[in-house]
N, C-alpha and C. Protein backbone atom coordinates (compact mmCIF):
# COMPACT_ATOMS: atom_id res chain seq x y z
N UNK A 1 1.56 -30.02 -25.82
CA UNK A 1 0.97 -28.65 -25.92
C UNK A 1 2.14 -27.71 -25.61
N UNK A 2 2.17 -26.70 -26.47
CA UNK A 2 3.19 -25.67 -26.31
C UNK A 2 2.57 -24.49 -25.52
N UNK A 3 3.28 -24.17 -24.41
CA UNK A 3 2.84 -23.10 -23.58
C UNK A 3 3.72 -21.87 -23.72
N UNK A 4 3.34 -20.76 -23.24
CA UNK A 4 4.07 -19.57 -23.27
C UNK A 4 5.43 -19.76 -22.49
N UNK A 5 5.35 -20.44 -21.44
CA UNK A 5 6.60 -20.75 -20.59
C UNK A 5 7.56 -21.55 -21.42
N UNK A 6 7.16 -22.45 -22.24
CA UNK A 6 8.07 -23.24 -23.05
C UNK A 6 8.85 -22.29 -24.00
N UNK A 7 8.20 -21.35 -24.54
CA UNK A 7 8.92 -20.43 -25.40
C UNK A 7 9.93 -19.62 -24.68
N UNK A 8 9.56 -19.04 -23.46
CA UNK A 8 10.49 -18.34 -22.65
C UNK A 8 11.65 -19.24 -22.21
N UNK A 9 11.35 -20.41 -21.76
CA UNK A 9 12.42 -21.38 -21.36
C UNK A 9 13.42 -21.59 -22.53
N UNK A 10 12.88 -21.81 -23.71
CA UNK A 10 13.73 -22.09 -24.83
C UNK A 10 14.60 -20.86 -25.10
N UNK A 11 14.06 -19.69 -25.04
CA UNK A 11 14.94 -18.45 -25.30
C UNK A 11 15.87 -18.23 -24.14
N UNK A 12 15.56 -18.53 -22.97
CA UNK A 12 16.50 -18.37 -21.79
C UNK A 12 17.63 -19.38 -22.01
N UNK A 13 17.36 -20.57 -22.39
CA UNK A 13 18.40 -21.59 -22.61
C UNK A 13 19.37 -21.07 -23.68
N UNK A 14 18.81 -20.46 -24.70
CA UNK A 14 19.58 -19.89 -25.81
C UNK A 14 20.51 -18.82 -25.29
N UNK A 15 20.01 -17.95 -24.41
CA UNK A 15 20.86 -16.90 -23.81
C UNK A 15 21.94 -17.54 -22.96
N UNK A 16 21.64 -18.62 -22.21
CA UNK A 16 22.66 -19.26 -21.49
C UNK A 16 23.79 -19.81 -22.23
N UNK A 17 23.47 -20.36 -23.45
CA UNK A 17 24.51 -20.82 -24.37
C UNK A 17 25.37 -19.65 -24.86
N UNK A 18 24.74 -18.54 -25.11
CA UNK A 18 25.51 -17.36 -25.53
C UNK A 18 26.52 -16.95 -24.39
N UNK A 19 25.99 -16.96 -23.16
CA UNK A 19 26.81 -16.58 -21.99
C UNK A 19 28.05 -17.55 -21.94
N UNK A 20 27.78 -18.84 -22.01
CA UNK A 20 28.83 -19.78 -21.88
C UNK A 20 29.87 -19.63 -22.92
N UNK A 21 29.45 -19.43 -24.17
CA UNK A 21 30.37 -19.19 -25.26
C UNK A 21 31.21 -17.89 -24.99
N UNK A 22 30.61 -16.88 -24.54
CA UNK A 22 31.32 -15.64 -24.28
C UNK A 22 32.33 -15.75 -23.12
N UNK A 23 31.95 -16.55 -22.12
CA UNK A 23 32.87 -16.82 -21.02
C UNK A 23 34.09 -17.53 -21.52
N UNK A 24 33.88 -18.55 -22.42
CA UNK A 24 35.04 -19.32 -23.01
C UNK A 24 35.91 -18.27 -23.84
N UNK A 25 35.36 -17.44 -24.52
CA UNK A 25 36.08 -16.37 -25.23
C UNK A 25 36.89 -15.53 -24.27
N UNK A 26 36.36 -15.26 -23.15
CA UNK A 26 37.10 -14.41 -22.15
C UNK A 26 38.31 -15.22 -21.62
N UNK A 27 38.04 -16.54 -21.32
CA UNK A 27 39.07 -17.32 -20.81
C UNK A 27 40.23 -17.44 -21.85
N UNK A 28 39.90 -17.62 -23.11
CA UNK A 28 40.82 -17.71 -24.19
C UNK A 28 41.66 -16.44 -24.36
N UNK A 29 40.97 -15.36 -24.23
CA UNK A 29 41.64 -14.03 -24.31
C UNK A 29 42.54 -13.86 -23.19
N UNK A 30 42.25 -14.26 -22.00
CA UNK A 30 43.11 -14.14 -20.89
C UNK A 30 44.38 -15.04 -21.07
N UNK A 31 44.18 -16.27 -21.60
CA UNK A 31 45.37 -17.07 -21.89
C UNK A 31 46.30 -16.37 -22.95
N UNK A 32 45.67 -15.76 -23.93
CA UNK A 32 46.54 -15.06 -24.95
C UNK A 32 47.26 -13.92 -24.32
N UNK A 33 46.58 -13.12 -23.40
CA UNK A 33 47.23 -12.08 -22.75
C UNK A 33 48.40 -12.51 -21.87
N UNK A 34 48.22 -13.65 -21.21
CA UNK A 34 49.34 -14.17 -20.38
C UNK A 34 50.57 -14.60 -21.26
N UNK A 35 50.30 -15.03 -22.47
CA UNK A 35 51.38 -15.56 -23.24
C UNK A 35 51.78 -14.65 -24.45
N UNK A 36 51.18 -13.42 -24.42
CA UNK A 36 51.50 -12.43 -25.55
C UNK A 36 53.01 -12.07 -25.47
N UNK A 37 53.52 -12.02 -26.72
CA UNK A 37 54.95 -11.70 -26.91
C UNK A 37 55.17 -10.21 -27.30
N UNK A 38 54.03 -9.59 -27.71
CA UNK A 38 54.15 -8.18 -28.03
C UNK A 38 52.85 -7.46 -27.65
N UNK A 39 52.99 -6.10 -27.76
CA UNK A 39 51.90 -5.28 -27.28
C UNK A 39 50.60 -5.45 -28.21
N UNK A 40 50.86 -5.72 -29.42
CA UNK A 40 49.73 -5.87 -30.39
C UNK A 40 48.85 -7.08 -30.04
N UNK A 41 49.55 -8.25 -29.79
CA UNK A 41 48.75 -9.39 -29.42
C UNK A 41 48.03 -9.25 -28.09
N UNK A 42 48.66 -8.52 -27.18
CA UNK A 42 48.03 -8.28 -25.83
C UNK A 42 46.79 -7.42 -26.01
N UNK A 43 46.88 -6.34 -26.78
CA UNK A 43 45.77 -5.34 -26.91
C UNK A 43 44.65 -6.09 -27.67
N UNK A 44 44.95 -6.92 -28.70
CA UNK A 44 43.93 -7.60 -29.47
C UNK A 44 43.21 -8.57 -28.53
N UNK A 45 43.83 -9.24 -27.66
CA UNK A 45 43.19 -10.18 -26.72
C UNK A 45 42.42 -9.45 -25.67
N UNK A 46 42.94 -8.27 -25.30
CA UNK A 46 42.17 -7.45 -24.35
C UNK A 46 40.93 -6.90 -24.93
N UNK A 47 40.98 -6.55 -26.18
CA UNK A 47 39.69 -6.04 -26.83
C UNK A 47 38.67 -7.19 -27.00
N UNK A 48 39.17 -8.38 -27.32
CA UNK A 48 38.38 -9.58 -27.47
C UNK A 48 37.68 -9.85 -26.10
N UNK A 49 38.40 -9.73 -25.00
CA UNK A 49 37.80 -9.96 -23.67
C UNK A 49 36.70 -8.91 -23.35
N UNK A 50 37.02 -7.70 -23.72
CA UNK A 50 36.03 -6.61 -23.52
C UNK A 50 34.76 -6.86 -24.30
N UNK A 51 34.93 -7.30 -25.60
CA UNK A 51 33.74 -7.64 -26.38
C UNK A 51 32.98 -8.77 -25.85
N UNK A 52 33.67 -9.77 -25.45
CA UNK A 52 32.99 -10.98 -24.88
C UNK A 52 32.26 -10.59 -23.50
N UNK A 53 32.89 -9.68 -22.80
CA UNK A 53 32.21 -9.26 -21.52
C UNK A 53 30.92 -8.51 -21.84
N UNK A 54 30.93 -7.73 -22.87
CA UNK A 54 29.75 -7.00 -23.29
C UNK A 54 28.71 -8.02 -23.72
N UNK A 55 29.08 -9.01 -24.53
CA UNK A 55 28.15 -10.07 -24.84
C UNK A 55 27.50 -10.77 -23.71
N UNK A 56 28.26 -10.98 -22.66
CA UNK A 56 27.74 -11.60 -21.44
C UNK A 56 26.69 -10.72 -20.86
N UNK A 57 26.99 -9.45 -20.68
CA UNK A 57 26.08 -8.55 -20.05
C UNK A 57 24.74 -8.35 -20.89
N UNK A 58 24.86 -8.36 -22.17
CA UNK A 58 23.67 -8.28 -23.06
C UNK A 58 22.83 -9.56 -22.91
N UNK A 59 23.47 -10.72 -22.88
CA UNK A 59 22.73 -11.99 -22.79
C UNK A 59 22.10 -12.14 -21.33
N UNK A 60 22.80 -11.64 -20.39
CA UNK A 60 22.22 -11.72 -19.01
C UNK A 60 21.03 -10.72 -18.90
N UNK A 61 21.17 -9.61 -19.48
CA UNK A 61 19.99 -8.63 -19.49
C UNK A 61 18.79 -9.31 -20.23
N UNK A 62 18.99 -9.97 -21.29
CA UNK A 62 17.91 -10.55 -22.01
C UNK A 62 17.33 -11.73 -21.23
N UNK A 63 18.15 -12.54 -20.64
CA UNK A 63 17.68 -13.63 -19.85
C UNK A 63 16.81 -13.09 -18.61
N UNK A 64 17.22 -12.10 -17.92
CA UNK A 64 16.50 -11.56 -16.81
C UNK A 64 15.15 -11.01 -17.38
N UNK A 65 15.15 -10.36 -18.50
CA UNK A 65 13.95 -9.76 -19.06
C UNK A 65 12.95 -10.87 -19.38
N UNK A 66 13.44 -11.96 -19.94
CA UNK A 66 12.61 -13.11 -20.22
C UNK A 66 12.05 -13.81 -18.94
N UNK A 67 12.90 -13.99 -18.04
CA UNK A 67 12.51 -14.54 -16.75
C UNK A 67 11.47 -13.68 -16.02
N UNK A 68 11.60 -12.36 -16.18
CA UNK A 68 10.68 -11.49 -15.53
C UNK A 68 9.33 -11.52 -16.24
N UNK A 69 9.31 -11.58 -17.60
CA UNK A 69 8.16 -11.71 -18.33
C UNK A 69 7.49 -12.96 -18.02
N UNK A 70 8.18 -13.98 -17.88
CA UNK A 70 7.60 -15.32 -17.56
C UNK A 70 6.97 -15.28 -16.16
N UNK A 71 7.61 -14.67 -15.16
CA UNK A 71 7.10 -14.49 -13.88
C UNK A 71 5.85 -13.62 -13.77
N UNK A 72 5.87 -12.54 -14.59
CA UNK A 72 4.75 -11.69 -14.61
C UNK A 72 3.55 -12.42 -15.24
N UNK A 73 3.78 -13.21 -16.28
CA UNK A 73 2.80 -13.96 -16.96
C UNK A 73 2.20 -14.97 -16.05
N UNK A 74 2.91 -15.51 -15.14
CA UNK A 74 2.43 -16.50 -14.26
C UNK A 74 2.01 -15.88 -12.95
N UNK A 75 2.01 -14.58 -12.97
CA UNK A 75 1.58 -13.86 -11.74
C UNK A 75 2.37 -14.14 -10.47
N UNK A 76 3.70 -14.46 -10.67
CA UNK A 76 4.56 -14.70 -9.52
C UNK A 76 4.90 -13.34 -8.89
N UNK A 77 4.93 -12.32 -9.58
CA UNK A 77 5.30 -11.00 -9.06
C UNK A 77 4.13 -9.98 -9.37
N UNK A 78 3.94 -9.15 -8.51
CA UNK A 78 2.94 -8.07 -8.67
C UNK A 78 3.68 -6.96 -9.45
N UNK A 79 3.30 -6.75 -10.74
CA UNK A 79 4.00 -5.79 -11.58
C UNK A 79 3.80 -4.34 -11.07
N UNK A 80 2.83 -4.09 -10.25
CA UNK A 80 2.62 -2.67 -9.76
C UNK A 80 3.59 -2.34 -8.69
N UNK A 81 4.36 -3.38 -8.12
CA UNK A 81 5.35 -3.09 -7.14
C UNK A 81 6.72 -2.90 -7.82
N UNK A 82 6.81 -3.17 -9.06
CA UNK A 82 8.17 -2.94 -9.79
C UNK A 82 8.44 -1.56 -10.11
């Protein structure tokens, strides 16, 4: 039987995958920055790290929203106190 929580959990796991991929992109960009031989390569890697950081923040926001919705649906939190 498929419950609402199963849907939330599936979506949260998807966001976690996005976060992990973005963190890998940040690590790769940092490696490129360390080994850059010119300013162009360095700036390109820096921009990639910034974009990946934004992706992490967006995915975290979505994961928190989903977890909050799941908690409110299960009455773990009193929504009037939020």
